[in-house]
Amino acid sequence: MVVYASAPVQKVIGEFEIETIIKDELEALWQQTCAYAGISKDFFFRYFSDKSCGYAIQIKKAKKYRQALCLRSDFNATPPQSFMYLDVVRA
């Protein structure tokens, strides 16, 4: 997965590999992820307020780029609303 930072940065700042995707009831999901989520319990439950279960991505390996990349010129893409698929060729 590549990570795009929205305004004011508006650049691709890194990438990560997915270890697993967790699906669980909200209280159980919070217990599994709270130490690593980077958000408050209040925010978590407000975000999932109308849901009975939620999803979390467990990151396997992350890499922050030394120099951020431009989505338009480096990937020939425009910023998505939530996610998009990229055809990335690694050298």
PDB file of N, CA and C in Angstrom:
ATOM      1  N   MET A   1       0.847  -1.155   0.000  1.00  0.00           N
ATOM      2  CA  MET A   1       0.000   0.000   0.000  1.00  0.00           C
ATOM      3  C   MET A   1       0.900   1.228   0.000  1.00  0.00           C
ATOM      4  N   VAL A   2       0.543   2.209  -0.796  1.00  0.00           N
ATOM      5  CA  VAL A   2       1.246   3.478  -0.720  1.00  0.00           C
ATOM      6  C   VAL A   2       0.412   4.435   0.111  1.00  0.00           C
ATOM      7  N   VAL A   3       1.074   5.359   0.791  1.00  0.00           N
ATOM      8  CA  VAL A   3       0.398   6.268   1.704  1.00  0.00           C
ATOM      9  C   VAL A   3       0.463   7.681   1.134  1.00  0.00           C
ATOM     10  N   TYR A   4      -0.715   8.236   0.877  1.00  0.00           N
ATOM     11  CA  TYR A   4      -0.833   9.604   0.373  1.00  0.00           C
ATOM     12  C   TYR A   4      -1.273  10.505   1.518  1.00  0.00           C
ATOM     13  N   ALA A   5      -0.506  11.558   1.760  1.00  0.00           N
ATOM     14  CA  ALA A   5      -0.872  12.549   2.782  1.00  0.00           C
ATOM     15  C   ALA A   5      -1.639  13.665   2.096  1.00  0.00           C
ATOM     16  N   SER A   6      -2.845  13.901   2.554  1.00  0.00           N
ATOM     17  CA  SER A   6      -3.663  14.943   1.941  1.00  0.00           C
ATOM     18  C   SER A   6      -3.162  16.331   2.341  1.00  0.00           C
ATOM     19  N   ALA A   7      -3.924  17.371   1.997  1.00  0.00           N
ATOM     20  CA  ALA A   7      -3.524  18.760   2.223  1.00  0.00           C
ATOM     21  C   ALA A   7      -3.124  18.973   3.679  1.00  0.00           C
ATOM     22  N   PRO A   8      -2.117  19.713   3.937  1.00  0.00           N
ATOM     23  CA  PRO A   8      -1.382  20.560   2.993  1.00  0.00           C
ATOM     24  C   PRO A   8      -0.216  19.866   2.290  1.00  0.00           C
ATOM     25  N   VAL A   9       0.125  18.629   2.661  1.00  0.00           N
ATOM     26  CA  VAL A   9       1.287  17.938   2.081  1.00  0.00           C
ATOM     27  C   VAL A   9       1.050  17.567   0.624  1.00  0.00           C
ATOM     28  N   GLN A  10      -0.030  16.851   0.361  1.00  0.00           N
ATOM     29  CA  GLN A  10      -0.436  16.411  -0.976  1.00  0.00           C
ATOM     30  C   GLN A  10       0.669  15.654  -1.721  1.00  0.00           C
ATOM     31  N   LYS A  11       1.248  14.680  -1.025  1.00  0.00           N
ATOM     32  CA  LYS A  11       2.319  13.857  -1.606  1.00  0.00           C
ATOM     33  C   LYS A  11       2.182  12.409  -1.127  1.00  0.00           C
ATOM     34  N   VAL A  12       2.804  11.502  -1.867  1.00  0.00           N
ATOM     35  CA  VAL A  12       2.935  10.108  -1.440  1.00  0.00           C
ATOM     36  C   VAL A  12       4.147  10.075  -0.522  1.00  0.00           C
ATOM     37  N   ILE A  13       3.925   9.709   0.746  1.00  0.00           N
ATOM     38  CA  ILE A  13       4.978   9.825   1.749  1.00  0.00           C
ATOM     39  C   ILE A  13       5.623   8.499   2.150  1.00  0.00           C
ATOM     40  N   GLY A  14       5.051   7.375   1.680  1.00  0.00           N
ATOM     41  CA  GLY A  14       5.626   6.091   2.055  1.00  0.00           C
ATOM     42  C   GLY A  14       4.776   4.939   1.580  1.00  0.00           C
ATOM     43  N   GLU A  15       5.077   3.778   2.128  1.00  0.00           N
ATOM     44  CA  GLU A  15       4.350   2.562   1.758  1.00  0.00           C
ATOM     45  C   GLU A  15       4.417   1.567   2.905  1.00  0.00           C
ATOM     46  N   PHE A  16       3.544   0.569   2.854  1.00  0.00           N
ATOM     47  CA  PHE A  16       3.593  -0.498   3.849  1.00  0.00           C
ATOM     48  C   PHE A  16       3.030  -1.782   3.281  1.00  0.00           C
ATOM     49  N   GLU A  17       3.415  -2.892   3.901  1.00  0.00           N
ATOM     50  CA  GLU A  17       2.870  -4.208   3.562  1.00  0.00           C
ATOM     51  C   GLU A  17       1.804  -4.557   4.589  1.00  0.00           C
ATOM     52  N   ILE A  18       0.797  -5.272   4.153  1.00  0.00           N
ATOM     53  CA  ILE A  18      -0.284  -5.689   5.045  1.00  0.00           C
ATOM     54  C   ILE A  18       0.047  -7.060   5.629  1.00  0.00           C
ATOM     55  N   GLU A  19       0.045  -7.142   6.968  1.00  0.00           N
ATOM     56  CA  GLU A  19       0.202  -8.428   7.649  1.00  0.00           C
ATOM     57  C   GLU A  19      -1.121  -9.187   7.584  1.00  0.00           C
ATOM     58  N   THR A  20      -2.191  -8.521   8.019  1.00  0.00           N
ATOM     59  CA  THR A  20      -3.520  -9.121   7.990  1.00  0.00           C
ATOM     60  C   THR A  20      -4.567  -8.020   8.109  1.00  0.00           C
ATOM     61  N   ILE A  21      -5.770  -8.366   7.750  1.00  0.00           N
ATOM     62  CA  ILE A  21      -6.911  -7.462   7.938  1.00  0.00           C
ATOM     63  C   ILE A  21      -7.785  -8.080   9.022  1.00  0.00           C
ATOM     64  N   ILE A  22      -8.056  -7.300  10.048  1.00  0.00           N
ATOM     65  CA  ILE A  22      -8.822  -7.777  11.198  1.00  0.00           C
ATOM     66  C   ILE A  22     -10.262  -7.287  11.078  1.00  0.00           C
ATOM     67  N   LYS A  23     -11.204  -8.192  11.240  1.00  0.00           N
ATOM     68  CA  LYS A  23     -12.628  -7.843  11.311  1.00  0.00           C
ATOM     69  C   LYS A  23     -13.141  -8.381  12.636  1.00  0.00           C
ATOM     70  N   ASP A  24     -13.802  -7.505  13.400  1.00  0.00           N
ATOM     71  CA  ASP A  24     -14.304  -7.964  14.693  1.00  0.00           C
ATOM     72  C   ASP A  24     -15.397  -7.013  15.187  1.00  0.00           C
ATOM     73  N   GLU A  25     -16.093  -7.450  16.239  1.00  0.00           N
ATOM     74  CA  GLU A  25     -17.042  -6.570  16.914  1.00  0.00           C
ATOM     75  C   GLU A  25     -16.255  -5.410  17.512  1.00  0.00           C
ATOM     76  N   LEU A  26     -16.886  -4.268  17.661  1.00  0.00           N
ATOM     77  CA  LEU A  26     -16.167  -3.047  17.997  1.00  0.00           C
ATOM     78  C   LEU A  26     -15.365  -3.106  19.293  1.00  0.00           C
ATOM     79  N   GLU A  27     -15.934  -3.609  20.354  1.00  0.00           N
ATOM     80  CA  GLU A  27     -15.198  -3.656  21.623  1.00  0.00           C
ATOM     81  C   GLU A  27     -13.964  -4.549  21.493  1.00  0.00           C
ATOM     82  N   ALA A  28     -14.115  -5.692  20.833  1.00  0.00           N
ATOM     83  CA  ALA A  28     -12.987  -6.603  20.634  1.00  0.00           C
ATOM     84  C   ALA A  28     -11.945  -5.983  19.698  1.00  0.00           C
ATOM     85  N   LEU A  29     -12.394  -5.292  18.670  1.00  0.00           N
ATOM     86  CA  LEU A  29     -11.475  -4.637  17.748  1.00  0.00           C
ATOM     87  C   LEU A  29     -10.683  -3.551  18.455  1.00  0.00           C
ATOM     88  N   TRP A  30     -11.353  -2.761  19.299  1.00  0.00           N
ATOM     89  CA  TRP A  30     -10.653  -1.733  20.059  1.00  0.00           C
ATOM     90  C   TRP A  30      -9.599  -2.357  20.975  1.00  0.00           C
ATOM     91  N   GLN A  31      -9.949  -3.447  21.659  1.00  0.00           N
ATOM     92  CA  GLN A  31      -8.995  -4.104  22.562  1.00  0.00           C
ATOM     93  C   GLN A  31      -7.764  -4.607  21.803  1.00  0.00           C
ATOM     94  N   GLN A  32      -7.964  -5.076  20.575  1.00  0.00           N
ATOM     95  CA  GLN A  32      -6.851  -5.593  19.767  1.00  0.00           C
ATOM     96  C   GLN A  32      -5.963  -4.491  19.202  1.00  0.00           C
ATOM     97  N   THR A  33      -6.527  -3.309  18.986  1.00  0.00           N
ATOM     98  CA  THR A  33      -5.809  -2.275  18.240  1.00  0.00           C
ATOM     99  C   THR A  33      -5.482  -1.012  19.030  1.00  0.00           C
ATOM    100  N   CYS A  34      -6.007  -0.853  20.219  1.00  0.00           N
ATOM    101  CA  CYS A  34      -5.896   0.421  20.939  1.00  0.00           C
ATOM    102  C   CYS A  34      -4.455   0.854  21.195  1.00  0.00           C
ATOM    103  N   ALA A  35      -3.557  -0.071  21.406  1.00  0.00           N
ATOM    104  CA  ALA A  35      -2.166   0.289  21.693  1.00  0.00           C
ATOM    105  C   ALA A  35      -1.432   0.831  20.467  1.00  0.00           C
ATOM    106  N   TYR A  36      -1.979   0.573  19.273  1.00  0.00           N
ATOM    107  CA  TYR A  36      -1.296   0.945  18.032  1.00  0.00           C
ATOM    108  C   TYR A  36      -2.121   1.862  17.131  1.00  0.00           C
ATOM    109  N   ALA A  37      -3.353   2.131  17.509  1.00  0.00           N
ATOM    110  CA  ALA A  37      -4.283   2.827  16.618  1.00  0.00           C
ATOM    111  C   ALA A  37      -3.943   4.295  16.381  1.00  0.00           C
ATOM    112  N   GLY A  38      -3.353   4.946  17.359  1.00  0.00           N
ATOM    113  CA  GLY A  38      -3.029   6.355  17.196  1.00  0.00           C
ATOM    114  C   GLY A  38      -4.235   7.273  17.303  1.00  0.00           C
ATOM    115  N   ILE A  39      -5.336   6.747  17.825  1.00  0.00           N
ATOM    116  CA  ILE A  39      -6.552   7.534  18.027  1.00  0.00           C
ATOM    117  C   ILE A  39      -7.104   7.234  19.414  1.00  0.00           C
ATOM    118  N   SER A  40      -7.986   8.112  19.879  1.00  0.00           N
ATOM    119  CA  SER A  40      -8.594   7.906  21.190  1.00  0.00           C
ATOM    120  C   SER A  40      -9.743   6.900  21.096  1.00  0.00           C
ATOM    121  N   LYS A  41     -10.083   6.331  22.228  1.00  0.00           N
ATOM    122  CA  LYS A  41     -11.219   5.411  22.302  1.00  0.00           C
ATOM    123  C   LYS A  41     -12.498   6.130  21.894  1.00  0.00           C
ATOM    124  N   ASP A  42     -12.661   7.370  22.328  1.00  0.00           N
ATOM    125  CA  ASP A  42     -13.837   8.162  21.972  1.00  0.00           C
ATOM    126  C   ASP A  42     -13.948   8.339  20.458  1.00  0.00           C
ATOM    127  N   PHE A  43     -12.843   8.698  19.812  1.00  0.00           N
ATOM    128  CA  PHE A  43     -12.856   8.877  18.360  1.00  0.00           C
ATOM    129  C   PHE A  43     -13.193   7.558  17.662  1.00  0.00           C
ATOM    130  N   PHE A  44     -12.576   6.475  18.107  1.00  0.00           N
ATOM    131  CA  PHE A  44     -12.814   5.151  17.525  1.00  0.00           C
ATOM    132  C   PHE A  44     -14.305   4.815  17.529  1.00  0.00           C
ATOM    133  N   PHE A  45     -14.940   4.967  18.688  1.00  0.00           N
ATOM    134  CA  PHE A  45     -16.352   4.593  18.787  1.00  0.00           C
ATOM    135  C   PHE A  45     -17.277   5.579  18.084  1.00  0.00           C
ATOM    136  N   ARG A  46     -16.873   6.839  17.972  1.00  0.00           N
ATOM    137  CA  ARG A  46     -17.659   7.784  17.166  1.00  0.00           C
ATOM    138  C   ARG A  46     -17.546   7.433  15.686  1.00  0.00           C
ATOM    139  N   TYR A  47     -16.349   7.071  15.253  1.00  0.00           N
ATOM    140  CA  TYR A  47     -16.125   6.717  13.851  1.00  0.00           C
ATOM    141  C   TYR A  47     -16.982   5.515  13.438  1.00  0.00           C
ATOM    142  N   PHE A  48     -17.079   4.518  14.300  1.00  0.00           N
ATOM    143  CA  PHE A  48     -17.848   3.305  14.028  1.00  0.00           C
ATOM    144  C   PHE A  48     -19.249   3.349  14.653  1.00  0.00           C
ATOM    145  N   SER A  49     -19.748   4.531  14.973  1.00  0.00           N
ATOM    146  CA  SER A  49     -20.967   4.668  15.773  1.00  0.00           C
ATOM    147  C   SER A  49     -22.188   3.935  15.228  1.00  0.00           C
ATOM    148  N   ASP A  50     -22.340   3.828  13.944  1.00  0.00           N
ATOM    149  CA  ASP A  50     -23.525   3.160  13.389  1.00  0.00           C
ATOM    150  C   ASP A  50     -23.218   1.751  12.870  1.00  0.00           C
ATOM    151  N   LYS A  51     -22.099   1.189  13.315  1.00  0.00           N
ATOM    152  CA  LYS A  51     -21.685  -0.139  12.854  1.00  0.00           C
ATOM    153  C   LYS A  51     -21.653  -1.129  14.015  1.00  0.00           C
ATOM    154  N   SER A  52     -21.835  -2.405  13.702  1.00  0.00           N
ATOM    155  CA  SER A  52     -21.741  -3.436  14.735  1.00  0.00           C
ATOM    156  C   SER A  52     -20.368  -4.100  14.732  1.00  0.00           C
ATOM    157  N   CYS A  53     -19.647  -3.991  13.607  1.00  0.00           N
ATOM    158  CA  CYS A  53     -18.290  -4.510  13.534  1.00  0.00           C
ATOM    159  C   CYS A  53     -17.440  -3.543  12.727  1.00  0.00           C
ATOM    160  N   GLY A  54     -16.129  -3.740  12.799  1.00  0.00           N
ATOM    161  CA  GLY A  54     -15.219  -2.865  12.082  1.00  0.00           C
ATOM    162  C   GLY A  54     -14.020  -3.635  11.567  1.00  0.00           C
ATOM    163  N   TYR A  55     -13.203  -2.932  10.803  1.00  0.00           N
ATOM    164  CA  TYR A  55     -12.010  -3.514  10.206  1.00  0.00           C
ATOM    165  C   TYR A  55     -10.784  -2.703  10.607  1.00  0.00           C
ATOM    166  N   ALA A  56      -9.649  -3.369  10.701  1.00  0.00           N
ATOM    167  CA  ALA A  56      -8.366  -2.711  10.950  1.00  0.00           C
ATOM    168  C   ALA A  56      -7.315  -3.420  10.111  1.00  0.00           C
ATOM    169  N   ILE A  57      -6.324  -2.662   9.689  1.00  0.00           N
ATOM    170  CA  ILE A  57      -5.217  -3.222   8.915  1.00  0.00           C
ATOM    171  C   ILE A  57      -4.013  -3.357   9.839  1.00  0.00           C
ATOM    172  N   GLN A  58      -3.496  -4.568   9.959  1.00  0.00           N
ATOM    173  CA  GLN A  58      -2.271  -4.785  10.720  1.00  0.00           C
ATOM    174  C   GLN A  58      -1.107  -4.644   9.750  1.00  0.00           C
ATOM    175  N   ILE A  59      -0.214  -3.701  10.045  1.00  0.00           N
ATOM    176  CA  ILE A  59       0.904  -3.401   9.158  1.00  0.00           C
ATOM    177  C   ILE A  59       2.068  -4.347   9.448  1.00  0.00           C
ATOM    178  N   LYS A  60       2.621  -4.893   8.374  1.00  0.00           N
ATOM    179  CA  LYS A  60       3.743  -5.823   8.482  1.00  0.00           C
ATOM    180  C   LYS A  60       5.070  -5.069   8.457  1.00  0.00           C
ATOM    181  N   LYS A  61       5.276  -4.256   7.456  1.00  0.00           N
ATOM    182  CA  LYS A  61       6.531  -3.529   7.294  1.00  0.00           C
ATOM    183  C   LYS A  61       6.219  -2.177   6.660  1.00  0.00           C
ATOM    184  N   ALA A  62       6.716  -1.107   7.253  1.00  0.00           N
ATOM    185  CA  ALA A  62       6.459   0.237   6.736  1.00  0.00           C
ATOM    186  C   ALA A  62       7.758   0.894   6.286  1.00  0.00           C
ATOM    187  N   LYS A  63       7.635   1.748   5.284  1.00  0.00           N
ATOM    188  CA  LYS A  63       8.785   2.485   4.775  1.00  0.00           C
ATOM    189  C   LYS A  63       8.353   3.925   4.509  1.00  0.00           C
ATOM    190  N   LYS A  64       9.025   4.874   5.168  1.00  0.00           N
ATOM    191  CA  LYS A  64       8.768   6.289   4.907  1.00  0.00           C
ATOM    192  C   LYS A  64       9.785   6.756   3.876  1.00  0.00           C
ATOM    193  N   TYR A  65       9.308   7.399   2.816  1.00  0.00           N
ATOM    194  CA  TYR A  65      10.198   7.875   1.774  1.00  0.00           C
ATOM    195  C   TYR A  65      11.042   9.052   2.263  1.00  0.00           C
ATOM    196  N   ARG A  66      12.302   9.078   1.851  1.00  0.00           N
ATOM    197  CA  ARG A  66      13.168  10.221   2.187  1.00  0.00           C
ATOM    198  C   ARG A  66      12.642  11.482   1.516  1.00  0.00           C
ATOM    199  N   GLN A  67      12.187  11.314   0.281  1.00  0.00           N
ATOM    200  CA  GLN A  67      11.602  12.429  -0.450  1.00  0.00           C
ATOM    201  C   GLN A  67      10.221  11.995  -0.933  1.00  0.00           C
ATOM    202  N   ALA A  68       9.219  12.763  -0.549  1.00  0.00           N
ATOM    203  CA  ALA A  68       7.841  12.442  -0.937  1.00  0.00           C
ATOM    204  C   ALA A  68       7.686  12.501  -2.458  1.00  0.00           C
ATOM    205  N   LEU A  69       6.770  11.711  -2.979  1.00  0.00           N
ATOM    206  CA  LEU A  69       6.519  11.650  -4.413  1.00  0.00           C
ATOM    207  C   LEU A  69       5.225  12.369  -4.765  1.00  0.00           C
ATOM    208  N   CYS A  70       5.185  12.880  -5.975  1.00  0.00           N
ATOM    209  CA  CYS A  70       3.981  13.563  -6.468  1.00  0.00           C
ATOM    210  C   CYS A  70       3.050  12.529  -7.099  1.00  0.00           C
ATOM    211  N   LEU A  71       1.839  12.487  -6.641  1.00  0.00           N
ATOM    212  CA  LEU A  71       0.865  11.523  -7.166  1.00  0.00           C
ATOM    213  C   LEU A  71       0.643  11.740  -8.663  1.00  0.00           C
ATOM    214  N   ARG A  72       0.566  12.990  -9.075  1.00  0.00           N
ATOM    215  CA  ARG A  72       0.283  13.302 -10.478  1.00  0.00           C
ATOM    216  C   ARG A  72       1.482  12.967 -11.376  1.00  0.00           C
ATOM    217  N   SER A  73       2.664  13.479 -11.072  1.00  0.00           N
ATOM    218  CA  SER A  73       3.791  13.272 -11.985  1.00  0.00           C
ATOM    219  C   SER A  73       4.476  11.908 -11.821  1.00  0.00           C
ATOM    220  N   ASP A  74       4.543  11.378 -10.608  1.00  0.00           N
ATOM    221  CA  ASP A  74       5.222  10.102 -10.397  1.00  0.00           C
ATOM    222  C   ASP A  74       4.334   8.881 -10.626  1.00  0.00           C
ATOM    223  N   PHE A  75       3.011   9.050 -10.483  1.00  0.00           N
ATOM    224  CA  PHE A  75       2.091   7.917 -10.631  1.00  0.00           C
ATOM    225  C   PHE A  75       1.028   8.138 -11.698  1.00  0.00           C
ATOM    226  N   ASN A  76       1.036   9.329 -12.318  1.00  0.00           N
ATOM    227  CA  ASN A  76       0.030   9.684 -13.327  1.00  0.00           C
ATOM    228  C   ASN A  76      -1.386   9.473 -12.797  1.00  0.00           C
ATOM    229  N   ALA A  77      -1.626   9.993 -11.587  1.00  0.00           N
ATOM    230  CA  ALA A  77      -2.921   9.808 -10.928  1.00  0.00           C
ATOM    231  C   ALA A  77      -3.324  11.098 -10.214  1.00  0.00           C
ATOM    232  N   THR A  78      -4.594  11.196  -9.918  1.00  0.00           N
ATOM    233  CA  THR A  78      -5.105  12.308  -9.127  1.00  0.00           C
ATOM    234  C   THR A  78      -5.557  11.770  -7.769  1.00  0.00           C
ATOM    235  N   PRO A  79      -5.561  12.620  -6.747  1.00  0.00           N
ATOM    236  CA  PRO A  79      -5.939  12.143  -5.410  1.00  0.00           C
ATOM    237  C   PRO A  79      -7.335  11.525  -5.386  1.00  0.00           C
ATOM    238  N   PRO A  80      -7.455  10.335  -4.804  1.00  0.00           N
ATOM    239  CA  PRO A  80      -8.759   9.671  -4.699  1.00  0.00           C
ATOM    240  C   PRO A  80      -9.548  10.180  -3.495  1.00  0.00           C
ATOM    241  N   GLN A  81     -10.832   9.851  -3.447  1.00  0.00           N
ATOM    242  CA  GLN A  81     -11.654  10.178  -2.287  1.00  0.00           C
ATOM    243  C   GLN A  81     -11.280   9.325  -1.079  1.00  0.00           C
ATOM    244  N   SER A  82     -11.010   8.039  -1.296  1.00  0.00           N
ATOM    245  CA  SER A  82     -10.636   7.174  -0.176  1.00  0.00           C
ATOM    246  C   SER A  82      -9.478   6.247  -0.525  1.00  0.00           C
ATOM    247  N   PHE A  83      -9.534   5.563  -1.661  1.00  0.00           N
ATOM    248  CA  PHE A  83      -8.436   4.697  -2.080  1.00  0.00           C
ATOM    249  C   PHE A  83      -8.475   4.541  -3.585  1.00  0.00           C
ATOM    250  N   MET A  84      -7.389   4.041  -4.134  1.00  0.00           N
ATOM    251  CA  MET A  84      -7.326   3.728  -5.565  1.00  0.00           C
ATOM    252  C   MET A  84      -6.256   2.664  -5.770  1.00  0.00           C
ATOM    253  N   TYR A  85      -6.327   1.988  -6.903  1.00  0.00           N
ATOM    254  CA  TYR A  85      -5.318   1.007  -7.262  1.00  0.00           C
ATOM    255  C   TYR A  85      -4.286   1.687  -8.148  1.00  0.00           C
ATOM    256  N   LEU A  86      -3.015   1.433  -7.880  1.00  0.00           N
ATOM    257  CA  LEU A  86      -1.922   1.980  -8.662  1.00  0.00           C
ATOM    258  C   LEU A  86      -1.173   0.849  -9.335  1.00  0.00           C
ATOM    259  N   ASP A  87      -0.733   1.093 -10.546  1.00  0.00           N
ATOM    260  CA  ASP A  87       0.125   0.143 -11.248  1.00  0.00           C
ATOM    261  C   ASP A  87       1.549   0.637 -11.016  1.00  0.00           C
ATOM    262  N   VAL A  88       2.231   0.024 -10.047  1.00  0.00           N
ATOM    263  CA  VAL A  88       3.556   0.484  -9.649  1.00  0.00           C
ATOM    264  C   VAL A  88       4.592  -0.548 -10.066  1.00  0.00           C
ATOM    265  N   VAL A  89       5.589  -0.091 -10.781  1.00  0.00           N
ATOM    266  CA  VAL A  89       6.693  -0.958 -11.196  1.00  0.00           C
ATOM    267  C   VAL A  89       7.901  -0.595 -10.357  1.00  0.00           C
ATOM    268  N   ARG A  90       8.445  -1.558  -9.640  1.00  0.00           N
ATOM    269  CA  ARG A  90       9.618  -1.329  -8.790  1.00  0.00           C
ATOM    270  C   ARG A  90      10.889  -1.688  -9.553  1.00  0.00           C
ATOM    271  N   ALA A  91      11.871  -0.853  -9.390  1.00  0.00           N
ATOM    272  CA  ALA A  91      13.166  -1.102 -10.047  1.00  0.00           C
ATOM    273  C   ALA A  91      14.018  -2.019  -9.198  1.00  0.00           C
TER     274      ALA A  91
END
